[in-house]
Amino acid sequence: MSDPVSVSGSAAIEVTVASVGPQGPPGADGAGVPPGGAKGQVLVKSGEGDGEAVWADPPPPLEIDGGTF
């Protein structure tokens, strides 16, 4: 496998090319994104652990000093 490399300018560069082996077998599926969720909802953490997430309505915009954020 080779990819073209372009160099411009006068600065010295060092390039290391490593060979890439074959792709391994796919791993087991992870927790992923929970199913569901409606248009406009956002994914939020539901606990401290990894993968603890649920779909929820986004919070309302913040109004600070007369501006909405």
Protein backbone atom coordinates (compact mmCIF):
# COMPACT_ATOMS: atom_id res chain seq x y z
CA MET A 1 0.00 0.00 0.00
CA SER A 2 1.38 3.41 -0.86
CA ASP A 3 -0.04 6.89 -0.71
CA PRO A 4 1.39 9.93 -2.48
CA VAL A 5 3.16 12.48 -0.29
CA SER A 6 3.63 16.11 -1.23
CA VAL A 7 6.17 18.37 0.47
CA SER A 8 6.55 22.08 -0.09
CA GLY A 9 8.78 24.65 1.55
CA SER A 10 12.35 24.44 2.72
CA ALA A 11 11.96 22.96 6.21
CA ALA A 12 13.49 19.54 6.87
CA ILE A 13 11.02 16.74 7.55
CA GLU A 14 11.31 13.15 8.70
CA VAL A 15 8.84 10.53 7.47
CA THR A 16 8.43 7.08 8.94
CA VAL A 17 6.41 4.57 6.95
CA ALA A 18 5.06 1.57 8.81
CA SER A 19 3.55 -1.43 7.13
CA VAL A 20 -0.05 -2.26 7.95
CA GLY A 21 -1.14 -5.83 8.47
CA PRO A 22 -4.47 -7.39 7.58
CA GLN A 23 -7.61 -6.30 9.38
CA GLY A 24 -8.57 -8.53 12.29
CA PRO A 25 -11.98 -10.04 12.97
CA PRO A 26 -14.75 -7.74 14.23
CA GLY A 27 -15.19 -7.48 17.98
CA ALA A 28 -18.34 -7.90 20.01
CA ASP A 29 -20.93 -5.14 19.84
CA GLY A 30 -20.71 -2.55 22.61
CA ALA A 31 -23.52 -0.86 24.47
CA GLY A 32 -24.03 1.61 21.62
CA VAL A 33 -26.74 4.22 21.54
CA PRO A 34 -30.02 3.19 23.17
CA PRO A 35 -32.90 2.70 20.74
CA GLY A 36 -35.65 5.27 20.44
CA GLY A 37 -35.42 8.99 20.75
CA ALA A 38 -37.68 11.43 18.97
CA LYS A 39 -36.77 14.19 16.55
CA GLY A 40 -35.19 17.02 18.54
CA GLN A 41 -34.25 14.91 21.55
CA VAL A 42 -30.67 14.61 22.78
CA LEU A 43 -28.71 11.76 24.32
CA VAL A 44 -27.87 12.46 28.00
CA LYS A 45 -26.08 10.56 30.75
CA SER A 46 -28.48 8.83 33.14
CA GLY A 47 -25.88 7.65 35.65
CA GLU A 48 -22.18 7.63 36.44
CA GLY A 49 -21.38 4.34 34.68
CA ASP A 50 -20.27 3.75 31.12
CA GLY A 51 -23.14 3.28 28.71
CA GLU A 52 -25.73 4.82 31.04
CA ALA A 53 -27.58 7.12 28.66
CA VAL A 54 -31.17 7.93 27.75
CA TRP A 55 -32.99 10.11 25.23
CA ALA A 56 -34.42 13.35 26.66
CA ASP A 57 -35.81 16.70 25.59
CA PRO A 58 -33.10 19.37 25.52
CA PRO A 59 -33.12 21.99 28.27
CA PRO A 60 -34.57 25.41 27.49
CA PRO A 61 -32.16 28.12 26.29
CA LEU A 62 -30.42 30.20 28.97
CA GLU A 63 -31.20 33.89 29.23
CA ILE A 64 -28.33 35.89 30.69
CA ASP A 65 -28.22 39.69 30.82
CA GLY A 66 -31.03 39.95 28.30
CA GLY A 67 -29.39 37.62 25.77
CA THR A 68 -30.46 34.08 24.97
CA PHE A 69 -27.80 31.39 24.81
